[in-house]
Amino acid sequence: MVQRAPSPESDPDAYVEHISRYGTPAAPQVALAAGLARAWFKPKFIGLENLPDKPALFIGNHAFMAVDAALFHLYLYYDHGRYVKGLGDKSLFANAHYAAIVHAMGGVSGQAPIVERLMARGDDLLLYPGGAYESVKPLEARYQLQWKQRYGFVKLAAKAGYTVVPVASVGPDEYYDHALSSQALFNSAPVKMLMKTGVLPQDLRSDLVPPIPSGMLGGPLPKPKTTYFAIGAPIDLAQYEGQTLSTQKLTALRRQFAKAIEKEIQSLLLLREQERHQDSWLRRLLSA
């Protein structure tokens, strides 16, 4: 039986102690999966010289099915020796079996009390502020940030005096097309029936309903898109440590983070076009 982790809400100290038992993702099956994914996606990192020599909160644009988070997390560690813990929506940890897998992979609940404790002890953290909502965005919104009115991560980073590192990914948003959009699936008769009968929660959030994917040749495998990650110049928030910032200042900082990520996305899109000829004709065909 899988041991259920302590509740992040009611006992954050015990939860942090629990997740601390999980080391770096070095299990043979993880290494094998990482090797296969490397051959499939050919990940490239740009801007490694921007990695700060102190703990940081890495924030970026999110892609469908959160594959981008796993790839960035694994290859930043395997190839460049930087281990980050990925912060996830609390709903992802409701199931004990799934939570155990996510914890083993380096994921943790992204609730404020947990983030505060992890920052206090100096952990590197990875956050996608758009969360599940951004990961199921429509195809026309690819590479667009969908952060709604979320400011909590800015407030936490500023109060801790943390360093924020903007990161961008290009490729993961195109691993899949949508055979059926998230909103269409959420409004469909089968999903409504499952909610009515209690198979699915009646208060199911639409941003937690993924679209039906269509990958390589219309199948379930992701398209073998060459994948780029960019690490932007770090933004040091040490001057705000211990302060409670005004809404105006939080808004300005959030805008600064977003613009830095958007700049990196555009640079990566241009770089990919310049290097497209390096992909084999078969990779280009299967990625179409």
C-alpha atoms as a PDB file:
ATOM      1  CA  MET A   1       0.000   0.000   0.000  1.00  0.00           C
ATOM      2  CA  VAL A   2       1.250   3.472  -0.896  1.00  0.00           C
ATOM      3  CA  GLN A   3       1.931   5.670   2.118  1.00  0.00           C
ATOM      4  CA  ARG A   4      -0.158   8.816   1.942  1.00  0.00           C
ATOM      5  CA  ALA A   5       1.827  12.028   2.412  1.00  0.00           C
ATOM      6  CA  PRO A   6       0.868  14.337   5.302  1.00  0.00           C
ATOM      7  CA  SER A   7      -1.552  17.096   4.386  1.00  0.00           C
ATOM      8  CA  PRO A   8       0.193  20.227   3.053  1.00  0.00           C
ATOM      9  CA  GLU A   9      -2.626  22.359   4.492  1.00  0.00           C
ATOM     10  CA  SER A  10      -2.947  20.972   8.009  1.00  0.00           C
ATOM     11  CA  ASP A  11       0.642  19.843   8.609  1.00  0.00           C
ATOM     12  CA  PRO A  12       3.048  21.613   6.224  1.00  0.00           C
ATOM     13  CA  ASP A  13       6.121  20.820   8.347  1.00  0.00           C
ATOM     14  CA  ALA A  14       5.412  17.087   8.231  1.00  0.00           C
ATOM     15  CA  TYR A  15       4.733  17.327   4.492  1.00  0.00           C
ATOM     16  CA  VAL A  16       8.079  19.013   3.821  1.00  0.00           C
ATOM     17  CA  GLU A  17       9.832  16.383   5.940  1.00  0.00           C
ATOM     18  CA  HIS A  18       8.044  13.669   3.959  1.00  0.00           C
ATOM     19  CA  ILE A  19       9.058  14.962   0.536  1.00  0.00           C
ATOM     20  CA  SER A  20      12.634  15.458   1.750  1.00  0.00           C
ATOM     21  CA  ARG A  21      12.982  11.667   1.812  1.00  0.00           C
ATOM     22  CA  TYR A  22      12.857  11.644  -1.962  1.00  0.00           C
ATOM     23  CA  GLY A  23      16.239  12.163  -3.563  1.00  0.00           C
ATOM     24  CA  THR A  24      17.189  13.105  -7.098  1.00  0.00           C
ATOM     25  CA  PRO A  25      15.410  11.203  -9.927  1.00  0.00           C
ATOM     26  CA  ALA A  26      18.107   8.571 -10.454  1.00  0.00           C
ATOM     27  CA  ALA A  27      16.014   5.378 -10.514  1.00  0.00           C
ATOM     28  CA  PRO A  28      16.843   3.102 -13.501  1.00  0.00           C
ATOM     29  CA  GLN A  29      13.360   3.412 -14.976  1.00  0.00           C
ATOM     30  CA  VAL A  30      13.533   7.213 -14.803  1.00  0.00           C
ATOM     31  CA  ALA A  31      16.963   7.239 -16.440  1.00  0.00           C
ATOM     32  CA  LEU A  32      15.658   4.918 -19.175  1.00  0.00           C
ATOM     33  CA  ALA A  33      12.641   7.147 -19.827  1.00  0.00           C
ATOM     34  CA  ALA A  34      14.905  10.203 -19.913  1.00  0.00           C
ATOM     35  CA  GLY A  35      17.169   8.491 -22.438  1.00  0.00           C
ATOM     36  CA  LEU A  36      14.282   7.611 -24.734  1.00  0.00           C
ATOM     37  CA  ALA A  37      12.856  11.129 -24.464  1.00  0.00           C
ATOM     38  CA  ARG A  38      16.278  12.604 -25.252  1.00  0.00           C
ATOM     39  CA  ALA A  39      16.437  10.666 -28.528  1.00  0.00           C
ATOM     40  CA  TRP A  40      12.865  11.671 -29.364  1.00  0.00           C
ATOM     41  CA  PHE A  41      12.938  15.383 -28.509  1.00  0.00           C
ATOM     42  CA  LYS A  42      16.675  16.241 -28.751  1.00  0.00           C
ATOM     43  CA  PRO A  43      16.514  18.878 -25.964  1.00  0.00           C
ATOM     44  CA  LYS A  44      18.788  21.916 -26.217  1.00  0.00           C
ATOM     45  CA  PHE A  45      19.530  24.434 -23.455  1.00  0.00           C
ATOM     46  CA  ILE A  46      20.317  28.069 -24.231  1.00  0.00           C
ATOM     47  CA  GLY A  47      21.575  30.604 -21.675  1.00  0.00           C
ATOM     48  CA  LEU A  48      23.161  28.251 -19.154  1.00  0.00           C
ATOM     49  CA  GLU A  49      25.539  31.050 -18.204  1.00  0.00           C
ATOM     50  CA  ASN A  50      22.523  32.751 -16.586  1.00  0.00           C
ATOM     51  CA  LEU A  51      22.127  30.058 -13.925  1.00  0.00           C
ATOM     52  CA  PRO A  52      22.628  31.880 -10.600  1.00  0.00           C
ATOM     53  CA  ASP A  53      24.957  30.559  -7.921  1.00  0.00           C
ATOM     54  CA  LYS A  54      22.214  30.799  -5.297  1.00  0.00           C
ATOM     55  CA  PRO A  55      18.747  29.262  -4.841  1.00  0.00           C
ATOM     56  CA  ALA A  56      16.187  30.423  -7.351  1.00  0.00           C
ATOM     57  CA  LEU A  57      12.564  30.210  -8.402  1.00  0.00           C
ATOM     58  CA  PHE A  58      12.462  29.222 -12.083  1.00  0.00           C
ATOM     59  CA  ILE A  59       9.233  30.350 -13.782  1.00  0.00           C
ATOM     60  CA  GLY A  60       8.157  29.649 -17.337  1.00  0.00           C
ATOM     61  CA  ASN A  61       5.506  29.016 -19.971  1.00  0.00           C
ATOM     62  CA  HIS A  62       3.564  25.775 -19.645  1.00  0.00           C
ATOM     63  CA  ALA A  63       2.686  23.243 -22.342  1.00  0.00           C
ATOM     64  CA  PHE A  64       0.068  20.567 -22.856  1.00  0.00           C
ATOM     65  CA  MET A  65       0.221  17.559 -20.484  1.00  0.00           C
ATOM     66  CA  ALA A  66       3.087  19.201 -18.550  1.00  0.00           C
ATOM     67  CA  VAL A  67       5.686  17.207 -20.487  1.00  0.00           C
ATOM     68  CA  ASP A  68       7.789  20.368 -20.633  1.00  0.00           C
ATOM     69  CA  ALA A  69       8.116  20.423 -16.838  1.00  0.00           C
ATOM     70  CA  ALA A  70       9.389  16.839 -16.700  1.00  0.00           C
ATOM     71  CA  LEU A  71      11.892  17.383 -19.516  1.00  0.00           C
ATOM     72  CA  PHE A  72      13.262  20.655 -18.146  1.00  0.00           C
ATOM     73  CA  HIS A  73      13.512  19.189 -14.657  1.00  0.00           C
ATOM     74  CA  LEU A  74      15.266  15.984 -15.770  1.00  0.00           C
ATOM     75  CA  TYR A  75      17.743  17.410 -18.239  1.00  0.00           C
ATOM     76  CA  LEU A  76      18.689  20.410 -16.147  1.00  0.00           C
ATOM     77  CA  TYR A  77      19.716  17.847 -13.541  1.00  0.00           C
ATOM     78  CA  TYR A  78      21.143  15.068 -15.729  1.00  0.00           C
ATOM     79  CA  ASP A  79      23.047  17.312 -18.127  1.00  0.00           C
ATOM     80  CA  HIS A  80      23.830  20.392 -16.040  1.00  0.00           C
ATOM     81  CA  GLY A  81      23.740  19.277 -12.406  1.00  0.00           C
ATOM     82  CA  ARG A  82      20.969  21.600 -11.225  1.00  0.00           C
ATOM     83  CA  TYR A  83      18.154  19.871  -9.323  1.00  0.00           C
ATOM     84  CA  VAL A  84      14.860  21.750  -9.063  1.00  0.00           C
ATOM     85  CA  LYS A  85      11.618  20.784  -7.348  1.00  0.00           C
ATOM     86  CA  GLY A  86       8.534  21.309  -9.480  1.00  0.00           C
ATOM     87  CA  LEU A  87       5.586  23.036  -7.807  1.00  0.00           C
ATOM     88  CA  GLY A  88       2.213  21.575  -8.775  1.00  0.00           C
ATOM     89  CA  ASP A  89      -1.491  22.281  -8.284  1.00  0.00           C
ATOM     90  CA  LYS A  90      -2.839  20.715  -5.079  1.00  0.00           C
ATOM     91  CA  SER A  91      -5.415  18.768  -7.095  1.00  0.00           C
ATOM     92  CA  LEU A  92      -2.589  16.740  -8.643  1.00  0.00           C
ATOM     93  CA  PHE A  93      -1.748  15.275  -5.230  1.00  0.00           C
ATOM     94  CA  ALA A  94      -5.250  14.196  -4.223  1.00  0.00           C
ATOM     95  CA  ASN A  95      -4.601  10.598  -5.307  1.00  0.00           C
ATOM     96  CA  ALA A  96      -1.994   8.905  -3.082  1.00  0.00           C
ATOM     97  CA  HIS A  97      -0.634   6.666  -5.862  1.00  0.00           C
ATOM     98  CA  TYR A  98      -0.191   9.526  -8.312  1.00  0.00           C
ATOM     99  CA  ALA A  99       1.225  11.765  -5.579  1.00  0.00           C
ATOM    100  CA  ALA A 100       3.878   9.155  -4.759  1.00  0.00           C
ATOM    101  CA  ILE A 101       5.013   9.097  -8.389  1.00  0.00           C
ATOM    102  CA  VAL A 102       5.108  12.891  -8.603  1.00  0.00           C
ATOM    103  CA  HIS A 103       7.035  13.142  -5.331  1.00  0.00           C
ATOM    104  CA  ALA A 104       9.558  10.563  -6.551  1.00  0.00           C
ATOM    105  CA  MET A 105      10.046  12.634  -9.709  1.00  0.00           C
ATOM    106  CA  GLY A 106      10.752  15.782  -7.696  1.00  0.00           C
ATOM    107  CA  GLY A 107       7.296  17.354  -7.733  1.00  0.00           C
ATOM    108  CA  VAL A 108       5.737  18.936  -4.636  1.00  0.00           C
ATOM    109  CA  SER A 109       2.513  20.688  -3.737  1.00  0.00           C
ATOM    110  CA  GLY A 110       2.770  24.363  -4.642  1.00  0.00           C
ATOM    111  CA  GLN A 111       0.677  25.709  -1.772  1.00  0.00           C
ATOM    112  CA  ALA A 112       1.992  28.837  -0.069  1.00  0.00           C
ATOM    113  CA  PRO A 113       2.998  27.267   3.295  1.00  0.00           C
ATOM    114  CA  ILE A 114       5.058  24.653   1.456  1.00  0.00           C
ATOM    115  CA  VAL A 115       6.733  27.173  -0.828  1.00  0.00           C
ATOM    116  CA  GLU A 116       7.604  29.376   2.158  1.00  0.00           C
ATOM    117  CA  ARG A 117       9.308  26.481   3.912  1.00  0.00           C
ATOM    118  CA  LEU A 118      11.174  25.321   0.818  1.00  0.00           C
ATOM    119  CA  MET A 119      12.434  28.840   0.160  1.00  0.00           C
ATOM    120  CA  ALA A 120      13.462  29.222   3.802  1.00  0.00           C
ATOM    121  CA  ARG A 121      15.766  26.246   3.463  1.00  0.00           C
ATOM    122  CA  GLY A 122      17.092  27.340   0.057  1.00  0.00           C
ATOM    123  CA  ASP A 123      15.625  24.912  -2.485  1.00  0.00           C
ATOM    124  CA  ASP A 124      15.608  25.492  -6.215  1.00  0.00           C
ATOM    125  CA  LEU A 125      11.978  25.548  -7.357  1.00  0.00           C
ATOM    126  CA  LEU A 126      10.230  25.349 -10.724  1.00  0.00           C
ATOM    127  CA  LEU A 127       6.842  26.984 -11.241  1.00  0.00           C
ATOM    128  CA  TYR A 128       4.486  27.485 -14.154  1.00  0.00           C
ATOM    129  CA  PRO A 129       2.169  30.276 -12.932  1.00  0.00           C
ATOM    130  CA  GLY A 130      -0.436  29.425 -15.584  1.00  0.00           C
ATOM    131  CA  GLY A 131      -0.784  25.961 -14.071  1.00  0.00           C
ATOM    132  CA  ALA A 132      -3.352  23.535 -15.430  1.00  0.00           C
ATOM    133  CA  TYR A 133      -5.246  26.369 -17.131  1.00  0.00           C
ATOM    134  CA  GLU A 134      -2.272  27.229 -19.322  1.00  0.00           C
ATOM    135  CA  SER A 135      -1.465  23.591 -20.060  1.00  0.00           C
ATOM    136  CA  VAL A 136      -4.884  23.007 -21.680  1.00  0.00           C
ATOM    137  CA  LYS A 137      -5.059  26.301 -23.584  1.00  0.00           C
ATOM    138  CA  PRO A 138      -6.404  26.212 -27.180  1.00  0.00           C
ATOM    139  CA  LEU A 139      -4.018  25.773 -30.084  1.00  0.00           C
ATOM    140  CA  GLU A 140      -4.286  29.426 -31.113  1.00  0.00           C
ATOM    141  CA  ALA A 141      -2.833  30.381 -27.716  1.00  0.00           C
ATOM    142  CA  ARG A 142       0.373  28.369 -28.099  1.00  0.00           C
ATOM    143  CA  TYR A 143       3.365  30.118 -26.512  1.00  0.00           C
ATOM    144  CA  GLN A 144       1.112  32.677 -24.846  1.00  0.00           C
ATOM    145  CA  LEU A 145       1.198  33.089 -21.074  1.00  0.00           C
ATOM    146  CA  GLN A 146      -2.159  32.447 -19.369  1.00  0.00           C
ATOM    147  CA  TRP A 147      -1.569  33.623 -15.793  1.00  0.00           C
ATOM    148  CA  LYS A 148      -5.054  34.994 -15.029  1.00  0.00           C
ATOM    149  CA  GLN A 149      -4.863  37.221 -11.925  1.00  0.00           C
ATOM    150  CA  ARG A 150      -2.317  35.147 -10.021  1.00  0.00           C
ATOM    151  CA  TYR A 151       0.108  37.133  -7.884  1.00  0.00           C
ATOM    152  CA  GLY A 152       0.796  34.720  -5.029  1.00  0.00           C
ATOM    153  CA  PHE A 153       4.069  33.476  -6.490  1.00  0.00           C
ATOM    154  CA  VAL A 154       5.335  37.049  -6.864  1.00  0.00           C
ATOM    155  CA  LYS A 155       4.420  37.839  -3.269  1.00  0.00           C
ATOM    156  CA  LEU A 156       6.155  34.705  -1.936  1.00  0.00           C
ATOM    157  CA  ALA A 157       9.334  35.228  -3.955  1.00  0.00           C
ATOM    158  CA  ALA A 158       9.590  38.903  -3.002  1.00  0.00           C
ATOM    159  CA  LYS A 159       8.994  38.308   0.694  1.00  0.00           C
ATOM    160  CA  ALA A 160      11.690  35.610   0.727  1.00  0.00           C
ATOM    161  CA  GLY A 161      14.079  37.877  -1.185  1.00  0.00           C
ATOM    162  CA  TYR A 162      14.468  35.076  -3.725  1.00  0.00           C
ATOM    163  CA  THR A 163      16.048  35.175  -7.151  1.00  0.00           C
ATOM    164  CA  VAL A 164      13.603  34.616 -10.017  1.00  0.00           C
ATOM    165  CA  VAL A 165      14.883  33.024 -13.213  1.00  0.00           C
ATOM    166  CA  PRO A 166      12.661  33.328 -16.314  1.00  0.00           C
ATOM    167  CA  VAL A 167      12.729  30.195 -18.464  1.00  0.00           C
ATOM    168  CA  ALA A 168      11.094  29.451 -21.790  1.00  0.00           C
ATOM    169  CA  SER A 169      10.407  26.338 -23.811  1.00  0.00           C
ATOM    170  CA  VAL A 170       9.686  25.949 -27.512  1.00  0.00           C
ATOM    171  CA  GLY A 171       8.589  22.605 -28.880  1.00  0.00           C
ATOM    172  CA  PRO A 172       6.406  21.115 -26.129  1.00  0.00           C
ATOM    173  CA  ASP A 173       3.375  23.231 -27.097  1.00  0.00           C
ATOM    174  CA  GLU A 174       3.455  21.453 -30.473  1.00  0.00           C
ATOM    175  CA  TYR A 175       3.881  17.846 -29.363  1.00  0.00           C
ATOM    176  CA  TYR A 176       0.127  17.403 -29.782  1.00  0.00           C
ATOM    177  CA  ASP A 177      -2.743  18.874 -31.727  1.00  0.00           C
ATOM    178  CA  HIS A 178      -6.245  18.747 -30.236  1.00  0.00           C
ATOM    179  CA  ALA A 179      -8.645  16.206 -31.692  1.00  0.00           C
ATOM    180  CA  LEU A 180     -11.262  17.679 -29.341  1.00  0.00           C
ATOM    181  CA  SER A 181     -10.717  20.878 -27.360  1.00  0.00           C
ATOM    182  CA  SER A 182     -10.765  21.006 -23.580  1.00  0.00           C
ATOM    183  CA  GLN A 183     -13.863  23.199 -23.471  1.00  0.00           C
ATOM    184  CA  ALA A 184     -15.740  21.038 -25.977  1.00  0.00           C
ATOM    185  CA  LEU A 185     -14.923  17.919 -23.973  1.00  0.00           C
ATOM    186  CA  PHE A 186     -15.944  19.578 -20.698  1.00  0.00           C
ATOM    187  CA  ASN A 187     -19.313  20.556 -22.211  1.00  0.00           C
ATOM    188  CA  SER A 188     -19.871  17.169 -23.845  1.00  0.00           C
ATOM    189  CA  ALA A 189     -22.764  14.900 -22.821  1.00  0.00           C
ATOM    190  CA  PRO A 190     -20.527  12.002 -21.623  1.00  0.00           C
ATOM    191  CA  VAL A 191     -18.554  14.241 -19.236  1.00  0.00           C
ATOM    192  CA  LYS A 192     -21.739  15.875 -17.932  1.00  0.00           C
ATOM    193  CA  MET A 193     -23.203  12.418 -17.330  1.00  0.00           C
ATOM    194  CA  LEU A 194     -20.088  11.264 -15.462  1.00  0.00           C
ATOM    195  CA  MET A 195     -20.267  14.378 -13.298  1.00  0.00           C
ATOM    196  CA  LYS A 196     -23.973  13.836 -12.630  1.00  0.00           C
ATOM    197  CA  THR A 197     -23.469  10.192 -11.638  1.00  0.00           C
ATOM    198  CA  GLY A 198     -20.543  11.021  -9.352  1.00  0.00           C
ATOM    199  CA  VAL A 199     -17.842   9.287 -11.397  1.00  0.00           C
ATOM    200  CA  LEU A 200     -16.313  12.716 -11.883  1.00  0.00           C
ATOM    201  CA  PRO A 201     -16.567  15.448  -9.217  1.00  0.00           C
ATOM    202  CA  GLN A 202     -19.602  17.666  -9.658  1.00  0.00           C
ATOM    203  CA  ASP A 203     -17.405  20.714  -9.034  1.00  0.00           C
ATOM    204  CA  LEU A 204     -14.855  19.582 -11.616  1.00  0.00           C
ATOM    205  CA  ARG A 205     -12.848  22.556 -12.861  1.00  0.00           C
ATOM    206  CA  SER A 206     -12.846  23.017 -16.624  1.00  0.00           C
ATOM    207  CA  ASP A 207      -9.110  23.779 -16.558  1.00  0.00           C
ATOM    208  CA  LEU A 208      -8.472  20.258 -15.249  1.00  0.00           C
ATOM    209  CA  VAL A 209     -10.151  18.650 -18.258  1.00  0.00           C
ATOM    210  CA  PRO A 210      -7.478  18.127 -20.917  1.00  0.00           C
ATOM    211  CA  PRO A 211      -8.300  18.129 -24.620  1.00  0.00           C
ATOM    212  CA  ILE A 212      -8.221  14.839 -26.483  1.00  0.00           C
ATOM    213  CA  PRO A 213      -4.728  14.818 -27.996  1.00  0.00           C
ATOM    214  CA  SER A 214      -3.660  14.008 -31.515  1.00  0.00           C
ATOM    215  CA  GLY A 215       0.048  13.324 -31.771  1.00  0.00           C
ATOM    216  CA  MET A 216       2.385  11.919 -34.388  1.00  0.00           C
ATOM    217  CA  LEU A 217       0.403  10.783 -37.443  1.00  0.00           C
ATOM    218  CA  GLY A 218      -2.753  11.415 -35.430  1.00  0.00           C
ATOM    219  CA  GLY A 219      -1.838   8.806 -32.820  1.00  0.00           C
ATOM    220  CA  PRO A 220      -1.034   8.886 -29.095  1.00  0.00           C
ATOM    221  CA  LEU A 221       2.728   9.388 -29.384  1.00  0.00           C
ATOM    222  CA  PRO A 222       3.941  13.002 -29.176  1.00  0.00           C
ATOM    223  CA  LYS A 223       5.414  14.519 -32.296  1.00  0.00           C
ATOM    224  CA  PRO A 224       9.240  14.366 -32.250  1.00  0.00           C
ATOM    225  CA  LYS A 225       9.706  18.130 -32.106  1.00  0.00           C
ATOM    226  CA  THR A 226      13.234  19.297 -31.410  1.00  0.00           C
ATOM    227  CA  THR A 227      12.877  21.018 -28.046  1.00  0.00           C
ATOM    228  CA  TYR A 228      14.540  24.210 -26.886  1.00  0.00           C
ATOM    229  CA  PHE A 229      14.848  25.583 -23.355  1.00  0.00           C
ATOM    230  CA  ALA A 230      16.126  29.085 -22.634  1.00  0.00           C
ATOM    231  CA  ILE A 231      17.302  30.381 -19.291  1.00  0.00           C
ATOM    232  CA  GLY A 232      16.980  34.141 -18.998  1.00  0.00           C
ATOM    233  CA  ALA A 233      18.890  36.637 -16.899  1.00  0.00           C
ATOM    234  CA  PRO A 234      18.085  36.210 -13.182  1.00  0.00           C
ATOM    235  CA  ILE A 235      16.009  38.841 -11.391  1.00  0.00           C
ATOM    236  CA  ASP A 236      17.200  39.365  -7.801  1.00  0.00           C
ATOM    237  CA  LEU A 237      14.473  40.253  -5.295  1.00  0.00           C
ATOM    238  CA  ALA A 238      16.766  40.498  -2.251  1.00  0.00           C
ATOM    239  CA  GLN A 239      15.818  44.170  -1.751  1.00  0.00           C
ATOM    240  CA  TYR A 240      12.209  43.146  -0.991  1.00  0.00           C
ATOM    241  CA  GLU A 241      12.984  40.487   1.628  1.00  0.00           C
ATOM    242  CA  GLY A 242      10.544  40.583   4.536  1.00  0.00           C
ATOM    243  CA  GLN A 243       8.373  43.245   2.917  1.00  0.00           C
ATOM    244  CA  THR A 244       4.684  43.190   2.057  1.00  0.00           C
ATOM    245  CA  LEU A 245       4.499  44.793  -1.365  1.00  0.00           C
ATOM    246  CA  SER A 246       1.696  46.917  -2.752  1.00  0.00           C
ATOM    247  CA  THR A 247      -0.538  45.583  -5.504  1.00  0.00           C
ATOM    248  CA  GLN A 248       1.057  48.084  -7.867  1.00  0.00           C
ATOM    249  CA  LYS A 249       4.552  46.777  -7.151  1.00  0.00           C
ATOM    250  CA  LEU A 250       3.459  43.147  -7.396  1.00  0.00           C
ATOM    251  CA  THR A 251       1.866  43.938 -10.758  1.00  0.00           C
ATOM    252  CA  ALA A 252       5.053  45.603 -11.993  1.00  0.00           C
ATOM    253  CA  LEU A 253       7.193  42.642 -10.953  1.00  0.00           C
ATOM    254  CA  ARG A 254       4.836  40.143 -12.527  1.00  0.00           C
ATOM    255  CA  ARG A 255       4.895  42.139 -15.754  1.00  0.00           C
ATOM    256  CA  GLN A 256       8.704  42.138 -15.626  1.00  0.00           C
ATOM    257  CA  PHE A 257       8.760  38.344 -15.236  1.00  0.00           C
ATOM    258  CA  ALA A 258       6.262  37.833 -18.057  1.00  0.00           C
ATOM    259  CA  LYS A 259       8.093  40.117 -20.477  1.00  0.00           C
ATOM    260  CA  ALA A 260      11.368  38.318 -19.774  1.00  0.00           C
ATOM    261  CA  ILE A 261       9.771  34.934 -20.548  1.00  0.00           C
ATOM    262  CA  GLU A 262       8.063  36.248 -23.687  1.00  0.00           C
ATOM    263  CA  LYS A 263      11.380  37.653 -24.902  1.00  0.00           C
ATOM    264  CA  GLU A 264      13.034  34.254 -24.452  1.00  0.00           C
ATOM    265  CA  ILE A 265      10.164  32.507 -26.274  1.00  0.00           C
ATOM    266  CA  GLN A 266      10.542  34.790 -29.282  1.00  0.00           C
ATOM    267  CA  SER A 267      14.301  34.258 -29.343  1.00  0.00           C
ATOM    268  CA  LEU A 268      13.833  30.496 -29.266  1.00  0.00           C
ATOM    269  CA  LEU A 269      11.242  30.559 -32.058  1.00  0.00           C
ATOM    270  CA  LEU A 270      13.715  32.485 -34.206  1.00  0.00           C
ATOM    271  CA  LEU A 271      16.579  30.143 -33.316  1.00  0.00           C
ATOM    272  CA  ARG A 272      14.475  27.127 -34.195  1.00  0.00           C
ATOM    273  CA  GLU A 273      13.737  28.548 -37.628  1.00  0.00           C
ATOM    274  CA  GLN A 274      17.445  29.175 -38.177  1.00  0.00           C
ATOM    275  CA  GLU A 275      18.297  25.605 -37.179  1.00  0.00           C
ATOM    276  CA  ARG A 276      15.357  23.824 -38.785  1.00  0.00           C
ATOM    277  CA  HIS A 277      17.581  22.496 -41.561  1.00  0.00           C
ATOM    278  CA  GLN A 278      19.495  20.460 -38.960  1.00  0.00           C
ATOM    279  CA  ASP A 279      16.504  18.169 -38.441  1.00  0.00           C
ATOM    280  CA  SER A 280      16.303  15.126 -40.691  1.00  0.00           C
ATOM    281  CA  TRP A 281      13.592  14.974 -43.339  1.00  0.00           C
ATOM    282  CA  LEU A 282      11.952  12.129 -41.406  1.00  0.00           C
ATOM    283  CA  ARG A 283      11.823  14.164 -38.173  1.00  0.00           C
ATOM    284  CA  ARG A 284      10.347  17.115 -40.056  1.00  0.00           C
ATOM    285  CA  LEU A 285       7.752  14.846 -41.680  1.00  0.00           C
ATOM    286  CA  LEU A 286       6.706  13.191 -38.425  1.00  0.00           C
ATOM    287  CA  SER A 287       6.571  16.554 -36.645  1.00  0.00           C
ATOM    288  CA  ALA A 288       4.206  18.155 -39.154  1.00  0.00           C
END
